[in-house]
Amino acid sequence: MLNDEWVTVGSVTVDSGRCLVVDPTYHRDGLYGVDEVGAATMASVTSPSQVAPLNTPDGTSVGAVVATGYGDGAYPVEVRYITDERGAARISEMRVRFIEPE
């Protein structure tokens, strides 16, 4: 069962006008480095969608770099939960709110 409520679980602080979403295991295992992050960041700057994939040197996409609305700041990280068939709460969605809706 999906809980419709978004719950704030933390925040992400941005100083580059960009946010990187990636599984930390890929960083730990060295599957990408500074060059790949730099390339994805620059690609997001020139992309009409303001988004670019983070790729490993062999071209495998492991994350995404996204523009952060109006730039630098601290942005809330929110999640929504589902209750699975065993009654356990699991995260079904995550969002980072860069601009508050009016």
C-alpha atoms as a PDB file:
ATOM      1  CA  MET A   1       0.000   0.000   0.000  1.00  0.00           C
ATOM      2  CA  LEU A   2       1.402   3.410  -1.003  1.00  0.00           C
ATOM      3  CA  ASN A   3       1.478   6.134   1.614  1.00  0.00           C
ATOM      4  CA  ASP A   4       0.678   9.417  -0.177  1.00  0.00           C
ATOM      5  CA  GLU A   5       2.639  11.470   2.345  1.00  0.00           C
ATOM      6  CA  TRP A   6       6.096  12.772   1.444  1.00  0.00           C
ATOM      7  CA  VAL A   7       8.457  12.596   4.450  1.00  0.00           C
ATOM      8  CA  THR A   8      11.548  14.831   4.711  1.00  0.00           C
ATOM      9  CA  VAL A   9      14.524  12.596   5.555  1.00  0.00           C
ATOM     10  CA  GLY A  10      17.446  14.994   5.054  1.00  0.00           C
ATOM     11  CA  SER A  11      18.831  17.562   2.681  1.00  0.00           C
ATOM     12  CA  VAL A  12      21.414  17.941  -0.041  1.00  0.00           C
ATOM     13  CA  THR A  13      23.632  21.022  -0.118  1.00  0.00           C
ATOM     14  CA  VAL A  14      24.625  22.295  -3.564  1.00  0.00           C
ATOM     15  CA  ASP A  15      27.470  24.674  -4.457  1.00  0.00           C
ATOM     16  CA  SER A  16      27.699  23.946  -8.194  1.00  0.00           C
ATOM     17  CA  GLY A  17      24.112  24.378  -9.343  1.00  0.00           C
ATOM     18  CA  ARG A  18      24.072  20.626 -10.071  1.00  0.00           C
ATOM     19  CA  CYS A  19      23.119  17.489  -8.150  1.00  0.00           C
ATOM     20  CA  LEU A  20      24.503  13.987  -8.777  1.00  0.00           C
ATOM     21  CA  VAL A  21      22.318  10.938  -8.138  1.00  0.00           C
ATOM     22  CA  VAL A  22      24.302   7.687  -8.003  1.00  0.00           C
ATOM     23  CA  ASP A  23      24.647   4.466  -6.006  1.00  0.00           C
ATOM     24  CA  PRO A  24      27.656   4.997  -3.677  1.00  0.00           C
ATOM     25  CA  THR A  25      28.907   1.484  -4.439  1.00  0.00           C
ATOM     26  CA  TYR A  26      29.925   2.621  -7.921  1.00  0.00           C
ATOM     27  CA  HIS A  27      32.145   5.301  -6.392  1.00  0.00           C
ATOM     28  CA  ARG A  28      33.596   2.896  -3.835  1.00  0.00           C
ATOM     29  CA  ASP A  29      34.383   0.377  -6.565  1.00  0.00           C
ATOM     30  CA  GLY A  30      36.079   3.026  -8.739  1.00  0.00           C
ATOM     31  CA  LEU A  31      33.714   2.640 -11.698  1.00  0.00           C
ATOM     32  CA  TYR A  32      33.843   6.384 -12.387  1.00  0.00           C
ATOM     33  CA  GLY A  33      36.102   9.233 -11.410  1.00  0.00           C
ATOM     34  CA  VAL A  34      36.547  12.977 -11.550  1.00  0.00           C
ATOM     35  CA  ASP A  35      36.752  13.006 -15.349  1.00  0.00           C
ATOM     36  CA  GLU A  36      33.414  11.228 -15.757  1.00  0.00           C
ATOM     37  CA  VAL A  37      31.686  13.485 -13.220  1.00  0.00           C
ATOM     38  CA  GLY A  38      33.138  16.545 -14.974  1.00  0.00           C
ATOM     39  CA  ALA A  39      31.947  15.333 -18.374  1.00  0.00           C
ATOM     40  CA  ALA A  40      28.427  14.630 -17.069  1.00  0.00           C
ATOM     41  CA  THR A  41      28.296  18.011 -15.332  1.00  0.00           C
ATOM     42  CA  MET A  42      29.300  19.883 -18.479  1.00  0.00           C
ATOM     43  CA  ALA A  43      26.872  17.831 -20.567  1.00  0.00           C
ATOM     44  CA  SER A  44      24.037  18.787 -18.191  1.00  0.00           C
ATOM     45  CA  VAL A  45      24.929  22.476 -18.607  1.00  0.00           C
ATOM     46  CA  THR A  46      24.508  22.318 -22.384  1.00  0.00           C
ATOM     47  CA  SER A  47      21.578  19.876 -22.441  1.00  0.00           C
ATOM     48  CA  PRO A  48      18.130  21.343 -23.189  1.00  0.00           C
ATOM     49  CA  SER A  49      16.730  19.076 -20.446  1.00  0.00           C
ATOM     50  CA  GLN A  50      19.442  20.217 -17.962  1.00  0.00           C
ATOM     51  CA  VAL A  51      20.125  16.528 -17.220  1.00  0.00           C
ATOM     52  CA  ALA A  52      22.948  14.223 -18.300  1.00  0.00           C
ATOM     53  CA  PRO A  53      23.899  10.639 -17.496  1.00  0.00           C
ATOM     54  CA  LEU A  54      26.975   9.795 -15.447  1.00  0.00           C
ATOM     55  CA  ASN A  55      28.748   7.081 -17.421  1.00  0.00           C
ATOM     56  CA  THR A  56      31.602   4.740 -16.593  1.00  0.00           C
ATOM     57  CA  PRO A  57      34.593   4.803 -18.981  1.00  0.00           C
ATOM     58  CA  ASP A  58      32.992   1.927 -20.958  1.00  0.00           C
ATOM     59  CA  GLY A  59      29.781   3.947 -21.437  1.00  0.00           C
ATOM     60  CA  THR A  60      27.552   2.281 -18.831  1.00  0.00           C
ATOM     61  CA  SER A  61      25.139   4.770 -17.252  1.00  0.00           C
ATOM     62  CA  VAL A  62      25.359   4.626 -13.427  1.00  0.00           C
ATOM     63  CA  GLY A  63      23.774   7.927 -12.413  1.00  0.00           C
ATOM     64  CA  ALA A  64      22.519  11.317 -13.485  1.00  0.00           C
ATOM     65  CA  VAL A  65      23.559  14.942 -13.060  1.00  0.00           C
ATOM     66  CA  VAL A  66      20.645  17.377 -12.850  1.00  0.00           C
ATOM     67  CA  ALA A  67      20.385  21.164 -12.642  1.00  0.00           C
ATOM     68  CA  THR A  68      19.047  22.446  -9.332  1.00  0.00           C
ATOM     69  CA  GLY A  69      16.313  24.909 -10.199  1.00  0.00           C
ATOM     70  CA  TYR A  70      17.803  28.285  -9.271  1.00  0.00           C
ATOM     71  CA  GLY A  71      21.287  27.075  -8.343  1.00  0.00           C
ATOM     72  CA  ASP A  72      23.079  26.756  -5.032  1.00  0.00           C
ATOM     73  CA  GLY A  73      21.411  26.064  -1.718  1.00  0.00           C
ATOM     74  CA  ALA A  74      20.229  23.348   0.652  1.00  0.00           C
ATOM     75  CA  TYR A  75      17.370  21.291  -0.738  1.00  0.00           C
ATOM     76  CA  PRO A  76      15.099  18.871   1.139  1.00  0.00           C
ATOM     77  CA  VAL A  77      15.260  15.153   0.318  1.00  0.00           C
ATOM     78  CA  GLU A  78      11.844  13.541   0.647  1.00  0.00           C
ATOM     79  CA  VAL A  79      10.636   9.938   0.393  1.00  0.00           C
ATOM     80  CA  ARG A  80       7.321   8.119   0.145  1.00  0.00           C
ATOM     81  CA  TYR A  81       6.848   4.699   1.635  1.00  0.00           C
ATOM     82  CA  ILE A  82       4.880   1.609   0.703  1.00  0.00           C
ATOM     83  CA  THR A  83       3.888  -1.179   3.025  1.00  0.00           C
ATOM     84  CA  ASP A  84       4.943  -4.484   1.470  1.00  0.00           C
ATOM     85  CA  GLU A  85       3.182  -7.823   1.714  1.00  0.00           C
ATOM     86  CA  ARG A  86       4.958  -8.582   5.017  1.00  0.00           C
ATOM     87  CA  GLY A  87       3.895  -5.278   6.564  1.00  0.00           C
ATOM     88  CA  ALA A  88       7.345  -3.691   6.298  1.00  0.00           C
ATOM     89  CA  ALA A  89       7.738  -0.045   5.291  1.00  0.00           C
ATOM     90  CA  ARG A  90       9.898   0.387   2.175  1.00  0.00           C
ATOM     91  CA  ILE A  91      10.894   3.500   0.274  1.00  0.00           C
ATOM     92  CA  SER A  92       9.047   3.585  -3.034  1.00  0.00           C
ATOM     93  CA  GLU A  93      10.075   7.043  -4.254  1.00  0.00           C
ATOM     94  CA  MET A  94      12.594   9.779  -3.525  1.00  0.00           C
ATOM     95  CA  ARG A  95      12.636  13.400  -4.608  1.00  0.00           C
ATOM     96  CA  VAL A  96      14.743  16.473  -4.072  1.00  0.00           C
ATOM     97  CA  ARG A  97      12.645  19.615  -4.153  1.00  0.00           C
ATOM     98  CA  PHE A  98      14.683  22.362  -5.858  1.00  0.00           C
ATOM     99  CA  ILE A  99      11.811  24.856  -6.226  1.00  0.00           C
ATOM    100  CA  GLU A 100       8.741  25.051  -4.010  1.00  0.00           C
ATOM    101  CA  PRO A 101       5.529  24.951  -6.053  1.00  0.00           C
ATOM    102  CA  GLU A 102       3.382  28.046  -5.866  1.00  0.00           C
END
